[in-house]
Amino acid sequence: YIHFDARKSIGVSKKIDMQMKAFN
């Protein structure tokens, strides 16, 4: 899962965590 410094945003960071959980 590749992103470009997207965790600066709290909302985007939460979404990445949820997507990673679903993928894994």
mmCIF file of all heavy atoms, coordinates in Angstrom:
data_MODEL
# 
_entry.id   MODEL 
# 
loop_
_atom_site.group_PDB 
_atom_site.id 
_atom_site.type_symbol 
_atom_site.label_atom_id 
_atom_site.label_alt_id 
_atom_site.label_comp_id 
_atom_site.label_asym_id 
_atom_site.label_entity_id 
_atom_site.label_seq_id 
_atom_site.pdbx_PDB_ins_code 
_atom_site.Cartn_x 
_atom_site.Cartn_y 
_atom_site.Cartn_z 
_atom_site.occupancy 
_atom_site.B_iso_or_equiv 
_atom_site.pdbx_formal_charge 
_atom_site.auth_seq_id 
_atom_site.auth_comp_id 
_atom_site.auth_asym_id 
_atom_site.auth_atom_id 
_atom_site.pdbx_PDB_model_num 
ATOM 1   N N   . TYR A 1 1  ? 0.872   -1.175  0.000  1.00 0.00 ? 1  TYR A N   1 
ATOM 2   C CA  . TYR A 1 1  ? 0.000   0.000   0.000  1.00 0.00 ? 1  TYR A CA  1 
ATOM 3   C C   . TYR A 1 1  ? 0.911   1.228   0.000  1.00 0.00 ? 1  TYR A C   1 
ATOM 4   O O   . TYR A 1 1  ? 1.623   1.477   0.970  1.00 0.00 ? 1  TYR A O   1 
ATOM 5   C CB  . TYR A 1 1  ? -0.893  -0.010  1.241  1.00 0.00 ? 1  TYR A CB  1 
ATOM 6   C CG  . TYR A 1 1  ? -1.964  1.059   1.261  1.00 0.00 ? 1  TYR A CG  1 
ATOM 7   C CD1 . TYR A 1 1  ? -3.308  0.717   1.256  1.00 0.00 ? 1  TYR A CD1 1 
ATOM 8   C CD2 . TYR A 1 1  ? -1.631  2.421   1.307  1.00 0.00 ? 1  TYR A CD2 1 
ATOM 9   C CE1 . TYR A 1 1  ? -4.304  1.685   1.284  1.00 0.00 ? 1  TYR A CE1 1 
ATOM 10  C CE2 . TYR A 1 1  ? -2.616  3.391   1.331  1.00 0.00 ? 1  TYR A CE2 1 
ATOM 11  C CZ  . TYR A 1 1  ? -3.948  3.018   1.326  1.00 0.00 ? 1  TYR A CZ  1 
ATOM 12  O OH  . TYR A 1 1  ? -4.924  3.987   1.347  1.00 0.00 ? 1  TYR A OH  1 
ATOM 13  N N   . ILE A 1 2  ? 0.897   1.978   -1.097 1.00 0.00 ? 2  ILE A N   1 
ATOM 14  C CA  . ILE A 1 2  ? 1.830   3.088   -1.265 1.00 0.00 ? 2  ILE A CA  1 
ATOM 15  C C   . ILE A 1 2  ? 1.077   4.416   -1.237 1.00 0.00 ? 2  ILE A C   1 
ATOM 16  O O   . ILE A 1 2  ? 0.062   4.589   -1.922 1.00 0.00 ? 2  ILE A O   1 
ATOM 17  C CB  . ILE A 1 2  ? 2.602   2.938   -2.588 1.00 0.00 ? 2  ILE A CB  1 
ATOM 18  C CG1 . ILE A 1 2  ? 3.485   1.680   -2.520 1.00 0.00 ? 2  ILE A CG1 1 
ATOM 19  C CG2 . ILE A 1 2  ? 3.448   4.176   -2.871 1.00 0.00 ? 2  ILE A CG2 1 
ATOM 20  C CD1 . ILE A 1 2  ? 4.239   1.386   -3.796 1.00 0.00 ? 2  ILE A CD1 1 
ATOM 21  N N   . HIS A 1 3  ? 1.566   5.337   -0.434 1.00 0.00 ? 3  HIS A N   1 
ATOM 22  C CA  . HIS A 1 3  ? 0.993   6.684   -0.419 1.00 0.00 ? 3  HIS A CA  1 
ATOM 23  C C   . HIS A 1 3  ? 2.120   7.700   -0.278 1.00 0.00 ? 3  HIS A C   1 
ATOM 24  O O   . HIS A 1 3  ? 3.262   7.355   0.048  1.00 0.00 ? 3  HIS A O   1 
ATOM 25  C CB  . HIS A 1 3  ? -0.031  6.845   0.703  1.00 0.00 ? 3  HIS A CB  1 
ATOM 26  C CG  . HIS A 1 3  ? 0.523   6.645   2.084  1.00 0.00 ? 3  HIS A CG  1 
ATOM 27  N ND1 . HIS A 1 3  ? 1.083   7.666   2.817  1.00 0.00 ? 3  HIS A ND1 1 
ATOM 28  C CD2 . HIS A 1 3  ? 0.591   5.538   2.864  1.00 0.00 ? 3  HIS A CD2 1 
ATOM 29  C CE1 . HIS A 1 3  ? 1.471   7.208   3.987  1.00 0.00 ? 3  HIS A CE1 1 
ATOM 30  N NE2 . HIS A 1 3  ? 1.195   5.909   4.046  1.00 0.00 ? 3  HIS A NE2 1 
ATOM 31  N N   . PHE A 1 4  ? 1.789   8.941   -0.520 1.00 0.00 ? 4  PHE A N   1 
ATOM 32  C CA  . PHE A 1 4  ? 2.790   9.997   -0.582 1.00 0.00 ? 4  PHE A CA  1 
ATOM 33  C C   . PHE A 1 4  ? 2.581   10.967  0.581  1.00 0.00 ? 4  PHE A C   1 
ATOM 34  O O   . PHE A 1 4  ? 1.930   11.996  0.447  1.00 0.00 ? 4  PHE A O   1 
ATOM 35  C CB  . PHE A 1 4  ? 2.726   10.696  -1.941 1.00 0.00 ? 4  PHE A CB  1 
ATOM 36  C CG  . PHE A 1 4  ? 3.063   9.760   -3.075 1.00 0.00 ? 4  PHE A CG  1 
ATOM 37  C CD1 . PHE A 1 4  ? 2.105   8.897   -3.603 1.00 0.00 ? 4  PHE A CD1 1 
ATOM 38  C CD2 . PHE A 1 4  ? 4.354   9.701   -3.581 1.00 0.00 ? 4  PHE A CD2 1 
ATOM 39  C CE1 . PHE A 1 4  ? 2.423   8.011   -4.620 1.00 0.00 ? 4  PHE A CE1 1 
ATOM 40  C CE2 . PHE A 1 4  ? 4.681   8.821   -4.601 1.00 0.00 ? 4  PHE A CE2 1 
ATOM 41  C CZ  . PHE A 1 4  ? 3.711   7.972   -5.116 1.00 0.00 ? 4  PHE A CZ  1 
ATOM 42  N N   . ASP A 1 5  ? 3.110   10.563  1.735  1.00 0.00 ? 5  ASP A N   1 
ATOM 43  C CA  . ASP A 1 5  ? 3.040   11.367  2.957  1.00 0.00 ? 5  ASP A CA  1 
ATOM 44  C C   . ASP A 1 5  ? 1.598   11.711  3.317  1.00 0.00 ? 5  ASP A C   1 
ATOM 45  O O   . ASP A 1 5  ? 1.309   12.806  3.809  1.00 0.00 ? 5  ASP A O   1 
ATOM 46  C CB  . ASP A 1 5  ? 3.866   12.645  2.784  1.00 0.00 ? 5  ASP A CB  1 
ATOM 47  C CG  . ASP A 1 5  ? 4.493   13.103  4.100  1.00 0.00 ? 5  ASP A CG  1 
ATOM 48  O OD1 . ASP A 1 5  ? 4.391   12.348  5.082  1.00 0.00 ? 5  ASP A OD1 1 
ATOM 49  O OD2 . ASP A 1 5  ? 5.060   14.196  4.147  1.00 0.00 ? 5  ASP A OD2 1 
ATOM 50  N N   . ALA A 1 6  ? 0.683   10.769  3.094  1.00 0.00 ? 6  ALA A N   1 
ATOM 51  C CA  . ALA A 1 6  ? -0.744  11.047  3.283  1.00 0.00 ? 6  ALA A CA  1 
ATOM 52  C C   . ALA A 1 6  ? -1.154  11.067  4.748  1.00 0.00 ? 6  ALA A C   1 
ATOM 53  O O   . ALA A 1 6  ? -2.239  11.553  5.079  1.00 0.00 ? 6  ALA A O   1 
ATOM 54  C CB  . ALA A 1 6  ? -1.577  10.014  2.527  1.00 0.00 ? 6  ALA A CB  1 
ATOM 55  N N   . ARG A 1 7  ? -0.324  10.558  5.640  1.00 0.00 ? 7  ARG A N   1 
ATOM 56  C CA  . ARG A 1 7  ? -0.718  10.490  7.051  1.00 0.00 ? 7  ARG A CA  1 
ATOM 57  C C   . ARG A 1 7  ? -0.652  11.844  7.756  1.00 0.00 ? 7  ARG A C   1 
ATOM 58  O O   . ARG A 1 7  ? -0.931  11.922  8.963  1.00 0.00 ? 7  ARG A O   1 
ATOM 59  C CB  . ARG A 1 7  ? 0.121   9.450   7.781  1.00 0.00 ? 7  ARG A CB  1 
ATOM 60  C CG  . ARG A 1 7  ? -0.272  8.014   7.431  1.00 0.00 ? 7  ARG A CG  1 
ATOM 61  C CD  . ARG A 1 7  ? 0.263   7.030   8.430  1.00 0.00 ? 7  ARG A CD  1 
ATOM 62  N NE  . ARG A 1 7  ? -0.110  5.651   8.158  1.00 0.00 ? 7  ARG A NE  1 
ATOM 63  C CZ  . ARG A 1 7  ? -1.236  5.086   8.595  1.00 0.00 ? 7  ARG A CZ  1 
ATOM 64  N NH1 . ARG A 1 7  ? -2.101  5.795   9.289  1.00 0.00 ? 7  ARG A NH1 1 
ATOM 65  N NH2 . ARG A 1 7  ? -1.511  3.813   8.321  1.00 0.00 ? 7  ARG A NH2 1 
ATOM 66  N N   . LYS A 1 8  ? -0.314  12.890  7.036  1.00 0.00 ? 8  LYS A N   1 
ATOM 67  C CA  . LYS A 1 8  ? -0.382  14.228  7.631  1.00 0.00 ? 8  LYS A CA  1 
ATOM 68  C C   . LYS A 1 8  ? -1.815  14.598  7.979  1.00 0.00 ? 8  LYS A C   1 
ATOM 69  O O   . LYS A 1 8  ? -2.061  15.415  8.864  1.00 0.00 ? 8  LYS A O   1 
ATOM 70  C CB  . LYS A 1 8  ? 0.203   15.260  6.666  1.00 0.00 ? 8  LYS A CB  1 
ATOM 71  C CG  . LYS A 1 8  ? 1.714   15.226  6.553  1.00 0.00 ? 8  LYS A CG  1 
ATOM 72  C CD  . LYS A 1 8  ? 2.204   16.311  5.614  1.00 0.00 ? 8  LYS A CD  1 
ATOM 73  C CE  . LYS A 1 8  ? 3.730   16.327  5.553  1.00 0.00 ? 8  LYS A CE  1 
ATOM 74  N NZ  . LYS A 1 8  ? 4.227   17.372  4.618  1.00 0.00 ? 8  LYS A NZ  1 
ATOM 75  N N   . SER A 1 9  ? -2.762  14.031  7.253  1.00 0.00 ? 9  SER A N   1 
ATOM 76  C CA  . SER A 1 9  ? -4.180  14.263  7.501  1.00 0.00 ? 9  SER A CA  1 
ATOM 77  C C   . SER A 1 9  ? -4.716  13.180  8.432  1.00 0.00 ? 9  SER A C   1 
ATOM 78  O O   . SER A 1 9  ? -4.555  11.985  8.165  1.00 0.00 ? 9  SER A O   1 
ATOM 79  C CB  . SER A 1 9  ? -4.963  14.250  6.184  1.00 0.00 ? 9  SER A CB  1 
ATOM 80  O OG  . SER A 1 9  ? -6.349  14.101  6.415  1.00 0.00 ? 9  SER A OG  1 
ATOM 81  N N   . ILE A 1 10 ? -5.372  13.586  9.537  1.00 0.00 ? 10 ILE A N   1 
ATOM 82  C CA  . ILE A 1 10 ? -5.922  12.617  10.496 1.00 0.00 ? 10 ILE A CA  1 
ATOM 83  C C   . ILE A 1 10 ? -6.972  11.747  9.817  1.00 0.00 ? 10 ILE A C   1 
ATOM 84  O O   . ILE A 1 10 ? -7.004  10.528  9.991  1.00 0.00 ? 10 ILE A O   1 
ATOM 85  C CB  . ILE A 1 10 ? -6.530  13.356  11.707 1.00 0.00 ? 10 ILE A CB  1 
ATOM 86  C CG1 . ILE A 1 10 ? -5.437  14.080  12.489 1.00 0.00 ? 10 ILE A CG1 1 
ATOM 87  C CG2 . ILE A 1 10 ? -7.265  12.372  12.612 1.00 0.00 ? 10 ILE A CG2 1 
ATOM 88  C CD1 . ILE A 1 10 ? -5.951  14.936  13.630 1.00 0.00 ? 10 ILE A CD1 1 
ATOM 89  N N   . GLY A 1 11 ? -7.844  12.384  9.013  1.00 0.00 ? 11 GLY A N   1 
ATOM 90  C CA  . GLY A 1 11 ? -8.900  11.638  8.343  1.00 0.00 ? 11 GLY A CA  1 
ATOM 91  C C   . GLY A 1 11 ? -8.356  10.616  7.364  1.00 0.00 ? 11 GLY A C   1 
ATOM 92  O O   . GLY A 1 11 ? -8.818  9.466   7.330  1.00 0.00 ? 11 GLY A O   1 
ATOM 93  N N   . VAL A 1 12 ? -7.363  11.011  6.571  1.00 0.00 ? 12 VAL A N   1 
ATOM 94  C CA  . VAL A 1 12 ? -6.763  10.091  5.602  1.00 0.00 ? 12 VAL A CA  1 
ATOM 95  C C   . VAL A 1 12 ? -6.018  8.978   6.333  1.00 0.00 ? 12 VAL A C   1 
ATOM 96  O O   . VAL A 1 12 ? -6.055  7.818   5.915  1.00 0.00 ? 12 VAL A O   1 
ATOM 97  C CB  . VAL A 1 12 ? -5.817  10.844  4.645  1.00 0.00 ? 12 VAL A CB  1 
ATOM 98  C CG1 . VAL A 1 12 ? -5.074  9.870   3.746  1.00 0.00 ? 12 VAL A CG1 1 
ATOM 99  C CG2 . VAL A 1 12 ? -6.603  11.838  3.792  1.00 0.00 ? 12 VAL A CG2 1 
ATOM 100 N N   . SER A 1 13 ? -5.356  9.327   7.419  1.00 0.00 ? 13 SER A N   1 
ATOM 101 C CA  . SER A 1 13 ? -4.624  8.320   8.183  1.00 0.00 ? 13 SER A CA  1 
ATOM 102 C C   . SER A 1 13 ? -5.574  7.247   8.709  1.00 0.00 ? 13 SER A C   1 
ATOM 103 O O   . SER A 1 13 ? -5.279  6.042   8.659  1.00 0.00 ? 13 SER A O   1 
ATOM 104 C CB  . SER A 1 13 ? -3.887  8.990   9.349  1.00 0.00 ? 13 SER A CB  1 
ATOM 105 O OG  . SER A 1 13 ? -3.052  8.068   10.009 1.00 0.00 ? 13 SER A OG  1 
ATOM 106 N N   . LYS A 1 14 ? -6.750  7.658   9.195  1.00 0.00 ? 14 LYS A N   1 
ATOM 107 C CA  . LYS A 1 14 ? -7.755  6.692   9.663  1.00 0.00 ? 14 LYS A CA  1 
ATOM 108 C C   . LYS A 1 14 ? -8.203  5.794   8.512  1.00 0.00 ? 14 LYS A C   1 
ATOM 109 O O   . LYS A 1 14 ? -8.373  4.583   8.676  1.00 0.00 ? 14 LYS A O   1 
ATOM 110 C CB  . LYS A 1 14 ? -8.964  7.440   10.235 1.00 0.00 ? 14 LYS A CB  1 
ATOM 111 C CG  . LYS A 1 14 ? -8.742  8.018   11.619 1.00 0.00 ? 14 LYS A CG  1 
ATOM 112 C CD  . LYS A 1 14 ? -9.889  8.936   12.019 1.00 0.00 ? 14 LYS A CD  1 
ATOM 113 C CE  . LYS A 1 14 ? -11.213 8.221   12.021 1.00 0.00 ? 14 LYS A CE  1 
ATOM 114 N NZ  . LYS A 1 14 ? -12.333 9.132   12.437 1.00 0.00 ? 14 LYS A NZ  1 
ATOM 115 N N   . LYS A 1 15 ? -8.386  6.402   7.339  1.00 0.00 ? 15 LYS A N   1 
ATOM 116 C CA  . LYS A 1 15 ? -8.830  5.608   6.191  1.00 0.00 ? 15 LYS A CA  1 
ATOM 117 C C   . LYS A 1 15 ? -7.768  4.595   5.784  1.00 0.00 ? 15 LYS A C   1 
ATOM 118 O O   . LYS A 1 15 ? -8.088  3.434   5.466  1.00 0.00 ? 15 LYS A O   1 
ATOM 119 C CB  . LYS A 1 15 ? -9.156  6.533   5.019  1.00 0.00 ? 15 LYS A CB  1 
ATOM 120 C CG  . LYS A 1 15 ? -9.643  5.777   3.799  1.00 0.00 ? 15 LYS A CG  1 
ATOM 121 C CD  . LYS A 1 15 ? -9.992  6.718   2.668  1.00 0.00 ? 15 LYS A CD  1 
ATOM 122 C CE  . LYS A 1 15 ? -10.419 5.929   1.439  1.00 0.00 ? 15 LYS A CE  1 
ATOM 123 N NZ  . LYS A 1 15 ? -10.749 6.793   0.298  1.00 0.00 ? 15 LYS A NZ  1 
ATOM 124 N N   . ILE A 1 16 ? -6.510  4.995   5.774  1.00 0.00 ? 16 ILE A N   1 
ATOM 125 C CA  . ILE A 1 16 ? -5.432  4.069   5.430  1.00 0.00 ? 16 ILE A CA  1 
ATOM 126 C C   . ILE A 1 16 ? -5.433  2.884   6.400  1.00 0.00 ? 16 ILE A C   1 
ATOM 127 O O   . ILE A 1 16 ? -5.305  1.727   5.984  1.00 0.00 ? 16 ILE A O   1 
ATOM 128 C CB  . ILE A 1 16 ? -4.065  4.783   5.445  1.00 0.00 ? 16 ILE A CB  1 
ATOM 129 C CG1 . ILE A 1 16 ? -3.979  5.789   4.280  1.00 0.00 ? 16 ILE A CG1 1 
ATOM 130 C CG2 . ILE A 1 16 ? -2.916  3.776   5.356  1.00 0.00 ? 16 ILE A CG2 1 
ATOM 131 C CD1 . ILE A 1 16 ? -2.756  6.675   4.322  1.00 0.00 ? 16 ILE A CD1 1 
ATOM 132 N N   . ASP A 1 17 ? -5.595  3.165   7.685  1.00 0.00 ? 17 ASP A N   1 
ATOM 133 C CA  . ASP A 1 17 ? -5.629  2.086   8.681  1.00 0.00 ? 17 ASP A CA  1 
ATOM 134 C C   . ASP A 1 17 ? -6.772  1.114   8.390  1.00 0.00 ? 17 ASP A C   1 
ATOM 135 O O   . ASP A 1 17 ? -6.598  -0.115  8.479  1.00 0.00 ? 17 ASP A O   1 
ATOM 136 C CB  . ASP A 1 17 ? -5.787  2.662   10.086 1.00 0.00 ? 17 ASP A CB  1 
ATOM 137 C CG  . ASP A 1 17 ? -4.528  3.347   10.589 1.00 0.00 ? 17 ASP A CG  1 
ATOM 138 O OD1 . ASP A 1 17 ? -3.437  3.034   10.068 1.00 0.00 ? 17 ASP A OD1 1 
ATOM 139 O OD2 . ASP A 1 17 ? -4.630  4.196   11.498 1.00 0.00 ? 17 ASP A OD2 1 
ATOM 140 N N   . MET A 1 18 ? -7.946  1.644   8.047  1.00 0.00 ? 18 MET A N   1 
ATOM 141 C CA  . MET A 1 18 ? -9.097  0.788   7.770  1.00 0.00 ? 18 MET A CA  1 
ATOM 142 C C   . MET A 1 18 ? -8.873  -0.050  6.515  1.00 0.00 ? 18 MET A C   1 
ATOM 143 O O   . MET A 1 18 ? -9.201  -1.242  6.467  1.00 0.00 ? 18 MET A O   1 
ATOM 144 C CB  . MET A 1 18 ? -10.362 1.640   7.635  1.00 0.00 ? 18 MET A CB  1 
ATOM 145 C CG  . MET A 1 18 ? -10.846 2.239   8.951  1.00 0.00 ? 18 MET A CG  1 
ATOM 146 S SD  . MET A 1 18 ? -12.446 3.074   8.813  1.00 0.00 ? 18 MET A SD  1 
ATOM 147 C CE  . MET A 1 18 ? -12.038 4.506   7.813  1.00 0.00 ? 18 MET A CE  1 
ATOM 148 N N   . GLN A 1 19 ? -8.310  0.576   5.473  1.00 0.00 ? 19 GLN A N   1 
ATOM 149 C CA  . GLN A 1 19 ? -8.042  -0.166  4.241  1.00 0.00 ? 19 GLN A CA  1 
ATOM 150 C C   . GLN A 1 19 ? -6.985  -1.235  4.453  1.00 0.00 ? 19 GLN A C   1 
ATOM 151 O O   . GLN A 1 19 ? -7.113  -2.356  3.944  1.00 0.00 ? 19 GLN A O   1 
ATOM 152 C CB  . GLN A 1 19 ? -7.618  0.805   3.138  1.00 0.00 ? 19 GLN A CB  1 
ATOM 153 C CG  . GLN A 1 19 ? -8.739  1.699   2.638  1.00 0.00 ? 19 GLN A CG  1 
ATOM 154 C CD  . GLN A 1 19 ? -8.268  2.659   1.573  1.00 0.00 ? 19 GLN A CD  1 
ATOM 155 O OE1 . GLN A 1 19 ? -7.209  3.268   1.681  1.00 0.00 ? 19 GLN A OE1 1 
ATOM 156 N NE2 . GLN A 1 19 ? -9.055  2.816   0.519  1.00 0.00 ? 19 GLN A NE2 1 
ATOM 157 N N   . MET A 1 20 ? -5.949  -0.902  5.205  1.00 0.00 ? 20 MET A N   1 
ATOM 158 C CA  . MET A 1 20 ? -4.901  -1.889  5.496  1.00 0.00 ? 20 MET A CA  1 
ATOM 159 C C   . MET A 1 20 ? -5.478  -3.074  6.252  1.00 0.00 ? 20 MET A C   1 
ATOM 160 O O   . MET A 1 20 ? -5.123  -4.236  5.989  1.00 0.00 ? 20 MET A O   1 
ATOM 161 C CB  . MET A 1 20 ? -3.782  -1.222  6.306  1.00 0.00 ? 20 MET A CB  1 
ATOM 162 C CG  . MET A 1 20 ? -2.884  -0.291  5.506  1.00 0.00 ? 20 MET A CG  1 
ATOM 163 S SD  . MET A 1 20 ? -1.755  -1.208  4.426  1.00 0.00 ? 20 MET A SD  1 
ATOM 164 C CE  . MET A 1 20 ? -0.725  -2.039  5.633  1.00 0.00 ? 20 MET A CE  1 
ATOM 165 N N   . LYS A 1 21 ? -6.358  -2.803  7.193  1.00 0.00 ? 21 LYS A N   1 
ATOM 166 C CA  . LYS A 1 21 ? -6.993  -3.871  7.963  1.00 0.00 ? 21 LYS A CA  1 
ATOM 167 C C   . LYS A 1 21 ? -7.797  -4.786  7.045  1.00 0.00 ? 21 LYS A C   1 
ATOM 168 O O   . LYS A 1 21 ? -7.713  -6.023  7.140  1.00 0.00 ? 21 LYS A O   1 
ATOM 169 C CB  . LYS A 1 21 ? -7.894  -3.267  9.039  1.00 0.00 ? 21 LYS A CB  1 
ATOM 170 C CG  . LYS A 1 21 ? -8.605  -4.296  9.914  1.00 0.00 ? 21 LYS A CG  1 
ATOM 171 C CD  . LYS A 1 21 ? -9.454  -3.603  10.972 1.00 0.00 ? 21 LYS A CD  1 
ATOM 172 C CE  . LYS A 1 21 ? -10.233 -4.610  11.802 1.00 0.00 ? 21 LYS A CE  1 
ATOM 173 N NZ  . LYS A 1 21 ? -11.097 -3.921  12.823 1.00 0.00 ? 21 LYS A NZ  1 
ATOM 174 N N   . ALA A 1 22 ? -8.557  -4.194  6.111  1.00 0.00 ? 22 ALA A N   1 
ATOM 175 C CA  . ALA A 1 22 ? -9.358  -4.990  5.179  1.00 0.00 ? 22 ALA A CA  1 
ATOM 176 C C   . ALA A 1 22 ? -8.465  -5.802  4.246  1.00 0.00 ? 22 ALA A C   1 
ATOM 177 O O   . ALA A 1 22 ? -8.738  -6.983  3.979  1.00 0.00 ? 22 ALA A O   1 
ATOM 178 C CB  . ALA A 1 22 ? -10.271 -4.069  4.365  1.00 0.00 ? 22 ALA A CB  1 
ATOM 179 N N   . PHE A 1 23 ? -7.396  -5.202  3.753  1.00 0.00 ? 23 PHE A N   1 
ATOM 180 C CA  . PHE A 1 23 ? -6.469  -5.928  2.881  1.00 0.00 ? 23 PHE A CA  1 
ATOM 181 C C   . PHE A 1 23 ? -5.833  -7.106  3.610  1.00 0.00 ? 23 PHE A C   1 
ATOM 182 O O   . PHE A 1 23 ? -5.728  -8.211  3.067  1.00 0.00 ? 23 PHE A O   1 
ATOM 183 C CB  . PHE A 1 23 ? -5.377  -4.993  2.373  1.00 0.00 ? 23 PHE A CB  1 
ATOM 184 C CG  . PHE A 1 23 ? -5.721  -4.241  1.122  1.00 0.00 ? 23 PHE A CG  1 
ATOM 185 C CD1 . PHE A 1 23 ? -5.486  -2.869  1.025  1.00 0.00 ? 23 PHE A CD1 1 
ATOM 186 C CD2 . PHE A 1 23 ? -6.254  -4.887  0.017  1.00 0.00 ? 23 PHE A CD2 1 
ATOM 187 C CE1 . PHE A 1 23 ? -5.796  -2.172  -0.135 1.00 0.00 ? 23 PHE A CE1 1 
ATOM 188 C CE2 . PHE A 1 23 ? -6.563  -4.199  -1.144 1.00 0.00 ? 23 PHE A CE2 1 
ATOM 189 C CZ  . PHE A 1 23 ? -6.339  -2.846  -1.216 1.00 0.00 ? 23 PHE A CZ  1 
ATOM 190 N N   . ASN A 1 24 ? -5.381  -6.862  4.827  1.00 0.00 ? 24 ASN A N   1 
ATOM 191 C CA  . ASN A 1 24 ? -4.639  -7.894  5.546  1.00 0.00 ? 24 ASN A CA  1 
ATOM 192 C C   . ASN A 1 24 ? -5.527  -9.014  6.082  1.00 0.00 ? 24 ASN A C   1 
ATOM 193 O O   . ASN A 1 24 ? -5.015  -10.044 6.536  1.00 0.00 ? 24 ASN A O   1 
ATOM 194 C CB  . ASN A 1 24 ? -3.812  -7.271  6.669  1.00 0.00 ? 24 ASN A CB  1 
ATOM 195 C CG  . ASN A 1 24 ? -2.507  -6.680  6.152  1.00 0.00 ? 24 ASN A CG  1 
ATOM 196 O OD1 . ASN A 1 24 ? -1.765  -7.351  5.432  1.00 0.00 ? 24 ASN A OD1 1 
ATOM 197 N ND2 . ASN A 1 24 ? -2.238  -5.430  6.476  1.00 0.00 ? 24 ASN A ND2 1 
# 
